[in-house]
Amino acid sequence: MTEITFVGTSDAFGAGGRRQSAILVRCASGGVLLDCGATTGSGLNQLGIAIDEIDVILVSHFHGDHFGGIPLLLLAALYEERRKRSLSIAGPPGIEARVQRLAAAMGHGLEGREWAFPIQFVELPAGVRSDVGPLRLRSFATHHNPDASPHGLVIDAGDAKIAYSGDTGWFDGLPRQVAGSDLFICECTYHRNGFDYHLSHEQLVEYRDRFDCGRVIITHLGEEMADRRASSEFEAADDGLTIRI
């Protein structure tokens, strides 16, 4: 059985006091972290999740609330957990250079250190199926800030197919990209339409009949959407939520 733990479920600004985007998928063949926002390290610690559980970090796009936690997570794995096992970091083209530049800008450069575990960077171009760590997956382009190289992900976890929107506004191809998934983890930043590059509850309700998914859980909740979780027409994630599929 595949287990999913929502480590962080807020938008970029920590709406509702929540952490930024990070979702841990535990499956029979290993552990996968979907996105790694800047608050991920403290979230894993609070939830009692060891970094050593993670075999792969999958990055949907290059915004800080989705990949800003990677440099310190790597250093914690090295110096605190004394990790020995290899770790893969996969994301849009340019993933290695982006992580290296981010780490340097934070004052925690990765180059020149003696790593006790191998780090493998894997590029995931849109539309290409790839084997990364324990997973078979496919990425697809989404409608978000172009300079962040936005992608969604469809993951074959063996006994479950999981789709993840990353950050995106509405585009007509979205239902087709995630069709047939057992679980669709979908961003829902706003209650009403507010910004072209993010989805709203209003839009998801309007287009719900276009989706062919076994279960839909919304995340990346902004302030107005976080305040309306109880009245949402979709299951809404909260930090620490764990489900099994």
C-alpha atoms as a PDB file:
ATOM      1  CA  MET A   1       0.000   0.000   0.000  1.00  0.00           C
ATOM      2  CA  THR A   2       1.269   3.489  -0.892  1.00  0.00           C
ATOM      3  CA  GLU A   3       1.298   6.095   1.880  1.00  0.00           C
ATOM      4  CA  ILE A   4       1.311   9.848   1.297  1.00  0.00           C
ATOM      5  CA  THR A   5       2.176  12.406   3.990  1.00  0.00           C
ATOM      6  CA  PHE A   6       1.598  16.099   3.319  1.00  0.00           C
ATOM      7  CA  VAL A   7       4.567  17.811   4.952  1.00  0.00           C
ATOM      8  CA  GLY A   8       3.650  21.290   3.715  1.00  0.00           C
ATOM      9  CA  THR A   9       0.403  22.523   2.149  1.00  0.00           C
ATOM     10  CA  SER A  10       0.521  26.328   2.006  1.00  0.00           C
ATOM     11  CA  ASP A  11       1.174  28.764  -0.791  1.00  0.00           C
ATOM     12  CA  ALA A  12       4.479  30.634  -1.021  1.00  0.00           C
ATOM     13  CA  PHE A  13       3.558  32.880   1.914  1.00  0.00           C
ATOM     14  CA  GLY A  14       2.773  30.299   4.608  1.00  0.00           C
ATOM     15  CA  ALA A  15      -0.968  30.938   4.554  1.00  0.00           C
ATOM     16  CA  GLY A  16      -2.744  29.753   7.680  1.00  0.00           C
ATOM     17  CA  GLY A  17       0.585  29.167   9.430  1.00  0.00           C
ATOM     18  CA  ARG A  18       1.296  26.174   7.224  1.00  0.00           C
ATOM     19  CA  ARG A  19       4.554  25.016   5.708  1.00  0.00           C
ATOM     20  CA  GLN A  20       5.479  25.330   2.050  1.00  0.00           C
ATOM     21  CA  SER A  21       5.047  22.591  -0.546  1.00  0.00           C
ATOM     22  CA  ALA A  22       6.430  19.145   0.288  1.00  0.00           C
ATOM     23  CA  ILE A  23       4.738  15.743   0.036  1.00  0.00           C
ATOM     24  CA  LEU A  24       6.339  12.441   1.034  1.00  0.00           C
ATOM     25  CA  VAL A  25       5.273   9.333  -0.909  1.00  0.00           C
ATOM     26  CA  ARG A  26       6.201   6.013   0.702  1.00  0.00           C
ATOM     27  CA  CYS A  27       5.817   3.018  -1.576  1.00  0.00           C
ATOM     28  CA  ALA A  28       7.097  -0.548  -1.543  1.00  0.00           C
ATOM     29  CA  SER A  29      10.199   0.366  -3.514  1.00  0.00           C
ATOM     30  CA  GLY A  30      11.230   3.520  -1.624  1.00  0.00           C
ATOM     31  CA  GLY A  31      10.485   7.065  -0.500  1.00  0.00           C
ATOM     32  CA  VAL A  32       9.899  10.054  -2.768  1.00  0.00           C
ATOM     33  CA  LEU A  33       9.620  13.713  -1.791  1.00  0.00           C
ATOM     34  CA  LEU A  34       7.435  15.768  -4.137  1.00  0.00           C
ATOM     35  CA  ASP A  35       8.855  19.276  -3.925  1.00  0.00           C
ATOM     36  CA  CYS A  36      10.983  20.604  -1.093  1.00  0.00           C
ATOM     37  CA  GLY A  37       9.973  24.094  -0.036  1.00  0.00           C
ATOM     38  CA  ALA A  38      12.142  26.182   2.270  1.00  0.00           C
ATOM     39  CA  THR A  39      10.308  24.925   5.381  1.00  0.00           C
ATOM     40  CA  THR A  40      10.642  21.216   4.565  1.00  0.00           C
ATOM     41  CA  GLY A  41      13.487  20.434   6.961  1.00  0.00           C
ATOM     42  CA  SER A  42      11.592  21.617  10.035  1.00  0.00           C
ATOM     43  CA  GLY A  43       8.456  19.880   8.765  1.00  0.00           C
ATOM     44  CA  LEU A  44      10.174  16.516   8.416  1.00  0.00           C
ATOM     45  CA  ASN A  45      11.702  16.948  11.856  1.00  0.00           C
ATOM     46  CA  GLN A  46       8.363  17.796  13.474  1.00  0.00           C
ATOM     47  CA  LEU A  47       6.691  14.803  11.847  1.00  0.00           C
ATOM     48  CA  GLY A  48       9.481  12.439  12.880  1.00  0.00           C
ATOM     49  CA  ILE A  49      10.500  11.654   9.296  1.00  0.00           C
ATOM     50  CA  ALA A  50      14.170  10.952   8.681  1.00  0.00           C
ATOM     51  CA  ILE A  51      15.753  12.385   5.556  1.00  0.00           C
ATOM     52  CA  ASP A  52      17.261   8.936   5.066  1.00  0.00           C
ATOM     53  CA  GLU A  53      13.780   7.668   4.147  1.00  0.00           C
ATOM     54  CA  ILE A  54      13.940   9.730   0.966  1.00  0.00           C
ATOM     55  CA  ASP A  55      15.399   8.079  -2.123  1.00  0.00           C
ATOM     56  CA  VAL A  56      14.335  10.764  -4.630  1.00  0.00           C
ATOM     57  CA  ILE A  57      13.434  14.446  -4.474  1.00  0.00           C
ATOM     58  CA  LEU A  58      11.170  15.427  -7.371  1.00  0.00           C
ATOM     59  CA  VAL A  59      11.003  19.153  -8.146  1.00  0.00           C
ATOM     60  CA  SER A  60       8.013  20.532 -10.040  1.00  0.00           C
ATOM     61  CA  HIS A  61       9.526  23.969 -10.741  1.00  0.00           C
ATOM     62  CA  PHE A  62      12.101  26.512  -9.649  1.00  0.00           C
ATOM     63  CA  HIS A  63      10.266  28.671  -7.120  1.00  0.00           C
ATOM     64  CA  GLY A  64      11.648  28.849  -3.592  1.00  0.00           C
ATOM     65  CA  ASP A  65       8.535  27.440  -1.965  1.00  0.00           C
ATOM     66  CA  HIS A  66       9.001  24.294  -4.080  1.00  0.00           C
ATOM     67  CA  PHE A  67      12.770  23.707  -4.154  1.00  0.00           C
ATOM     68  CA  GLY A  68      14.265  26.206  -1.683  1.00  0.00           C
ATOM     69  CA  GLY A  69      14.752  23.596   1.041  1.00  0.00           C
ATOM     70  CA  ILE A  70      17.072  21.331  -0.917  1.00  0.00           C
ATOM     71  CA  PRO A  71      20.496  22.797   0.041  1.00  0.00           C
ATOM     72  CA  LEU A  72      19.944  22.598   3.793  1.00  0.00           C
ATOM     73  CA  LEU A  73      18.262  19.203   3.474  1.00  0.00           C
ATOM     74  CA  LEU A  74      21.412  17.886   1.785  1.00  0.00           C
ATOM     75  CA  LEU A  75      23.640  19.360   4.476  1.00  0.00           C
ATOM     76  CA  ALA A  76      21.438  17.931   7.237  1.00  0.00           C
ATOM     77  CA  ALA A  77      21.634  14.513   5.583  1.00  0.00           C
ATOM     78  CA  LEU A  78      25.433  14.822   5.486  1.00  0.00           C
ATOM     79  CA  TYR A  79      26.229  16.293   8.891  1.00  0.00           C
ATOM     80  CA  GLU A  80      23.270  15.358  11.090  1.00  0.00           C
ATOM     81  CA  GLU A  81      22.099  11.993   9.773  1.00  0.00           C
ATOM     82  CA  ARG A  82      25.477  10.818   8.413  1.00  0.00           C
ATOM     83  CA  ARG A  83      23.732   9.513   5.330  1.00  0.00           C
ATOM     84  CA  LYS A  84      25.525   6.910   3.213  1.00  0.00           C
ATOM     85  CA  ARG A  85      22.904   5.951   0.611  1.00  0.00           C
ATOM     86  CA  SER A  86      22.705   7.711  -2.738  1.00  0.00           C
ATOM     87  CA  LEU A  87      20.056  10.383  -3.321  1.00  0.00           C
ATOM     88  CA  SER A  88      18.523  11.423  -6.639  1.00  0.00           C
ATOM     89  CA  ILE A  89      17.246  14.946  -7.291  1.00  0.00           C
ATOM     90  CA  ALA A  90      15.082  15.153 -10.403  1.00  0.00           C
ATOM     91  CA  GLY A  91      13.330  18.093 -11.983  1.00  0.00           C
ATOM     92  CA  PRO A  92      13.040  20.308 -15.038  1.00  0.00           C
ATOM     93  CA  PRO A  93      16.073  20.755 -17.320  1.00  0.00           C
ATOM     94  CA  GLY A  94      18.767  22.714 -15.535  1.00  0.00           C
ATOM     95  CA  ILE A  95      18.002  21.178 -12.133  1.00  0.00           C
ATOM     96  CA  GLU A  96      21.631  20.699 -11.097  1.00  0.00           C
ATOM     97  CA  ALA A  97      22.722  24.233 -11.998  1.00  0.00           C
ATOM     98  CA  ARG A  98      19.682  25.725 -10.258  1.00  0.00           C
ATOM     99  CA  VAL A  99      20.307  23.842  -7.020  1.00  0.00           C
ATOM    100  CA  GLN A 100      24.012  24.708  -7.095  1.00  0.00           C
ATOM    101  CA  ARG A 101      23.292  28.420  -7.622  1.00  0.00           C
ATOM    102  CA  LEU A 102      20.661  28.425  -4.910  1.00  0.00           C
ATOM    103  CA  ALA A 103      22.989  26.810  -2.405  1.00  0.00           C
ATOM    104  CA  ALA A 104      25.760  29.293  -3.215  1.00  0.00           C
ATOM    105  CA  ALA A 105      23.380  32.246  -2.879  1.00  0.00           C
ATOM    106  CA  MET A 106      22.305  30.953   0.546  1.00  0.00           C
ATOM    107  CA  GLY A 107      25.911  30.795   1.705  1.00  0.00           C
ATOM    108  CA  HIS A 108      25.874  26.999   1.848  1.00  0.00           C
ATOM    109  CA  GLY A 109      27.632  26.081  -1.391  1.00  0.00           C
ATOM    110  CA  LEU A 110      27.644  22.393  -2.257  1.00  0.00           C
ATOM    111  CA  GLU A 111      30.855  22.300  -4.263  1.00  0.00           C
ATOM    112  CA  GLY A 112      34.116  21.420  -2.553  1.00  0.00           C
ATOM    113  CA  ARG A 113      32.521  19.321   0.191  1.00  0.00           C
ATOM    114  CA  GLU A 114      33.333  15.678   0.831  1.00  0.00           C
ATOM    115  CA  TRP A 115      30.000  13.961   0.356  1.00  0.00           C
ATOM    116  CA  ALA A 116      29.528  10.648   2.138  1.00  0.00           C
ATOM    117  CA  PHE A 117      26.695   9.768  -0.219  1.00  0.00           C
ATOM    118  CA  PRO A 118      26.375  10.093  -4.016  1.00  0.00           C
ATOM    119  CA  ILE A 119      24.002  12.780  -5.329  1.00  0.00           C
ATOM    120  CA  GLN A 120      22.544  12.173  -8.767  1.00  0.00           C
ATOM    121  CA  PHE A 121      20.779  14.943 -10.675  1.00  0.00           C
ATOM    122  CA  VAL A 122      18.239  13.865 -13.300  1.00  0.00           C
ATOM    123  CA  GLU A 123      16.541  16.139 -15.835  1.00  0.00           C
ATOM    124  CA  LEU A 124      12.877  15.490 -16.602  1.00  0.00           C
ATOM    125  CA  PRO A 125      11.858  17.153 -19.880  1.00  0.00           C
ATOM    126  CA  ALA A 126       8.124  17.553 -20.405  1.00  0.00           C
ATOM    127  CA  GLY A 127       6.438  14.550 -21.996  1.00  0.00           C
ATOM    128  CA  VAL A 128       9.299  12.138 -21.406  1.00  0.00           C
ATOM    129  CA  ARG A 129       8.860   8.962 -19.353  1.00  0.00           C
ATOM    130  CA  SER A 130      11.746   8.305 -16.997  1.00  0.00           C
ATOM    131  CA  ASP A 131      12.927   5.810 -14.404  1.00  0.00           C
ATOM    132  CA  VAL A 132      14.212   7.648 -11.340  1.00  0.00           C
ATOM    133  CA  GLY A 133      15.146   5.677  -8.239  1.00  0.00           C
ATOM    134  CA  PRO A 134      12.236   3.370  -7.408  1.00  0.00           C
ATOM    135  CA  LEU A 135       9.778   5.139  -9.702  1.00  0.00           C
ATOM    136  CA  ARG A 136       8.523   5.241 -13.247  1.00  0.00           C
ATOM    137  CA  LEU A 137       7.241   8.739 -13.969  1.00  0.00           C
ATOM    138  CA  ARG A 138       6.284  11.291 -16.585  1.00  0.00           C
ATOM    139  CA  SER A 139       6.441  15.093 -16.402  1.00  0.00           C
ATOM    140  CA  PHE A 140       4.236  17.547 -18.276  1.00  0.00           C
ATOM    141  CA  ALA A 141       4.346  21.298 -18.837  1.00  0.00           C
ATOM    142  CA  THR A 142       1.914  23.424 -16.815  1.00  0.00           C
ATOM    143  CA  HIS A 143       0.594  26.983 -17.049  1.00  0.00           C
ATOM    144  CA  HIS A 144       2.718  28.894 -14.550  1.00  0.00           C
ATOM    145  CA  ASN A 145       5.514  31.484 -14.607  1.00  0.00           C
ATOM    146  CA  PRO A 146       7.617  30.331 -17.599  1.00  0.00           C
ATOM    147  CA  ASP A 147      10.967  31.299 -16.094  1.00  0.00           C
ATOM    148  CA  ALA A 148      10.389  28.771 -13.300  1.00  0.00           C
ATOM    149  CA  SER A 149      10.158  25.850 -15.793  1.00  0.00           C
ATOM    150  CA  PRO A 150       6.825  24.640 -14.389  1.00  0.00           C
ATOM    151  CA  HIS A 151       5.983  20.948 -14.650  1.00  0.00           C
ATOM    152  CA  GLY A 152       3.434  18.550 -13.257  1.00  0.00           C
ATOM    153  CA  LEU A 153       4.242  14.931 -12.514  1.00  0.00           C
ATOM    154  CA  VAL A 154       2.545  11.571 -12.963  1.00  0.00           C
ATOM    155  CA  ILE A 155       4.111   8.846 -10.850  1.00  0.00           C
ATOM    156  CA  ASP A 156       3.728   5.087 -11.097  1.00  0.00           C
ATOM    157  CA  ALA A 157       4.357   3.919  -7.540  1.00  0.00           C
ATOM    158  CA  GLY A 158       3.728   0.273  -8.351  1.00  0.00           C
ATOM    159  CA  ASP A 159       0.332  -0.219  -6.770  1.00  0.00           C
ATOM    160  CA  ALA A 160      -0.858   3.350  -7.337  1.00  0.00           C
ATOM    161  CA  LYS A 161      -0.731   6.075  -9.979  1.00  0.00           C
ATOM    162  CA  ILE A 162      -0.296   9.524  -8.449  1.00  0.00           C
ATOM    163  CA  ALA A 163      -0.620  12.790 -10.356  1.00  0.00           C
ATOM    164  CA  TYR A 164       0.669  16.106  -8.999  1.00  0.00           C
ATOM    165  CA  SER A 165      -0.108  19.454 -10.602  1.00  0.00           C
ATOM    166  CA  GLY A 166       2.767  21.436  -9.166  1.00  0.00           C
ATOM    167  CA  ASP A 167       1.798  25.094  -9.596  1.00  0.00           C
ATOM    168  CA  THR A 168      -0.480  25.871 -12.507  1.00  0.00           C
ATOM    169  CA  GLY A 169      -3.323  27.960 -13.767  1.00  0.00           C
ATOM    170  CA  TRP A 170      -6.080  26.352 -15.790  1.00  0.00           C
ATOM    171  CA  PHE A 171      -5.234  24.959 -19.207  1.00  0.00           C
ATOM    172  CA  ASP A 172      -7.472  22.698 -21.267  1.00  0.00           C
ATOM    173  CA  GLY A 173      -4.952  19.845 -21.384  1.00  0.00           C
ATOM    174  CA  LEU A 174      -4.729  19.425 -17.602  1.00  0.00           C
ATOM    175  CA  PRO A 175      -7.489  16.771 -17.245  1.00  0.00           C
ATOM    176  CA  ARG A 176      -5.930  14.695 -20.025  1.00  0.00           C
ATOM    177  CA  GLN A 177      -2.493  14.818 -18.395  1.00  0.00           C
ATOM    178  CA  VAL A 178      -3.730  13.417 -15.071  1.00  0.00           C
ATOM    179  CA  ALA A 179      -6.439  11.068 -16.398  1.00  0.00           C
ATOM    180  CA  GLY A 180      -6.529   7.606 -14.892  1.00  0.00           C
ATOM    181  CA  SER A 181      -4.661   8.519 -11.716  1.00  0.00           C
ATOM    182  CA  ASP A 182      -5.699   6.902  -8.449  1.00  0.00           C
ATOM    183  CA  LEU A 183      -4.906  10.189  -6.698  1.00  0.00           C
ATOM    184  CA  PHE A 184      -4.629  13.691  -8.134  1.00  0.00           C
ATOM    185  CA  ILE A 185      -2.894  16.163  -5.809  1.00  0.00           C
ATOM    186  CA  CYS A 186      -3.977  19.506  -7.207  1.00  0.00           C
ATOM    187  CA  GLU A 187      -3.005  23.026  -6.310  1.00  0.00           C
ATOM    188  CA  CYS A 188      -5.858  25.336  -5.293  1.00  0.00           C
ATOM    189  CA  THR A 189      -4.359  28.644  -4.255  1.00  0.00           C
ATOM    190  CA  TYR A 190      -7.513  30.766  -4.460  1.00  0.00           C
ATOM    191  CA  HIS A 191     -11.178  30.456  -3.664  1.00  0.00           C
ATOM    192  CA  ARG A 192     -12.188  32.621  -6.612  1.00  0.00           C
ATOM    193  CA  ASN A 193     -10.259  33.245  -9.810  1.00  0.00           C
ATOM    194  CA  GLY A 194      -7.499  35.614  -8.860  1.00  0.00           C
ATOM    195  CA  PHE A 195      -4.353  34.996 -10.892  1.00  0.00           C
ATOM    196  CA  ASP A 196      -3.776  33.392 -14.270  1.00  0.00           C
ATOM    197  CA  TYR A 197      -0.910  31.208 -13.037  1.00  0.00           C
ATOM    198  CA  HIS A 198      -2.787  29.511 -10.172  1.00  0.00           C
ATOM    199  CA  LEU A 199      -5.984  27.485  -9.877  1.00  0.00           C
ATOM    200  CA  SER A 200      -9.031  28.419  -7.831  1.00  0.00           C
ATOM    201  CA  HIS A 201     -11.732  26.383  -6.115  1.00  0.00           C
ATOM    202  CA  GLU A 202     -14.231  28.098  -8.393  1.00  0.00           C
ATOM    203  CA  GLN A 203     -12.456  26.774 -11.498  1.00  0.00           C
ATOM    204  CA  LEU A 204     -12.063  23.257 -10.147  1.00  0.00           C
ATOM    205  CA  VAL A 205     -15.761  23.076  -9.358  1.00  0.00           C
ATOM    206  CA  GLU A 206     -16.617  24.354 -12.829  1.00  0.00           C
ATOM    207  CA  TYR A 207     -14.379  21.809 -14.567  1.00  0.00           C
ATOM    208  CA  ARG A 208     -14.689  18.861 -12.193  1.00  0.00           C
ATOM    209  CA  ASP A 209     -16.573  16.701 -14.708  1.00  0.00           C
ATOM    210  CA  ARG A 210     -13.568  16.809 -17.048  1.00  0.00           C
ATOM    211  CA  PHE A 211     -11.363  14.922 -14.588  1.00  0.00           C
ATOM    212  CA  ASP A 212     -11.121  11.148 -14.553  1.00  0.00           C
ATOM    213  CA  CYS A 213      -9.344  10.553 -11.251  1.00  0.00           C
ATOM    214  CA  GLY A 214     -10.037   8.209  -8.384  1.00  0.00           C
ATOM    215  CA  ARG A 215      -9.481  10.819  -5.673  1.00  0.00           C
ATOM    216  CA  VAL A 216      -8.680  14.530  -5.665  1.00  0.00           C
ATOM    217  CA  ILE A 217      -6.935  16.316  -2.800  1.00  0.00           C
ATOM    218  CA  ILE A 218      -6.239  20.046  -2.998  1.00  0.00           C
ATOM    219  CA  THR A 219      -3.120  21.676  -1.602  1.00  0.00           C
ATOM    220  CA  HIS A 220      -1.022  24.877  -1.967  1.00  0.00           C
ATOM    221  CA  LEU A 221      -3.853  26.718  -0.236  1.00  0.00           C
ATOM    222  CA  GLY A 222      -3.655  30.505  -0.082  1.00  0.00           C
ATOM    223  CA  GLU A 223      -5.134  32.585   2.732  1.00  0.00           C
ATOM    224  CA  GLU A 224      -8.685  32.827   1.394  1.00  0.00           C
ATOM    225  CA  MET A 225      -8.759  29.148   0.477  1.00  0.00           C
ATOM    226  CA  ALA A 226      -7.257  28.026   3.775  1.00  0.00           C
ATOM    227  CA  ASP A 227     -10.049  29.872   5.577  1.00  0.00           C
ATOM    228  CA  ARG A 228     -12.634  27.964   3.533  1.00  0.00           C
ATOM    229  CA  ARG A 229     -11.252  24.440   3.865  1.00  0.00           C
ATOM    230  CA  ALA A 230     -14.306  23.227   5.782  1.00  0.00           C
ATOM    231  CA  SER A 231     -16.686  24.288   3.007  1.00  0.00           C
ATOM    232  CA  SER A 232     -14.554  23.051   0.099  1.00  0.00           C
ATOM    233  CA  GLU A 233     -16.174  20.676  -2.384  1.00  0.00           C
ATOM    234  CA  PHE A 234     -12.873  18.786  -2.516  1.00  0.00           C
ATOM    235  CA  GLU A 235     -10.818  17.049   0.142  1.00  0.00           C
ATOM    236  CA  ALA A 236      -8.283  19.613   1.401  1.00  0.00           C
ATOM    237  CA  ALA A 237      -4.857  18.690   2.725  1.00  0.00           C
ATOM    238  CA  ASP A 238      -3.371  20.039   5.931  1.00  0.00           C
ATOM    239  CA  ASP A 239       0.201  19.800   7.214  1.00  0.00           C
ATOM    240  CA  GLY A 240       0.770  16.324   8.606  1.00  0.00           C
ATOM    241  CA  LEU A 241      -2.144  14.656   6.819  1.00  0.00           C
ATOM    242  CA  THR A 242      -1.335  11.013   5.983  1.00  0.00           C
ATOM    243  CA  ILE A 243      -3.432   8.918   3.628  1.00  0.00           C
ATOM    244  CA  ARG A 244      -3.088   5.446   2.101  1.00  0.00           C
ATOM    245  CA  ILE A 245      -4.137   4.365  -1.355  1.00  0.00           C
END
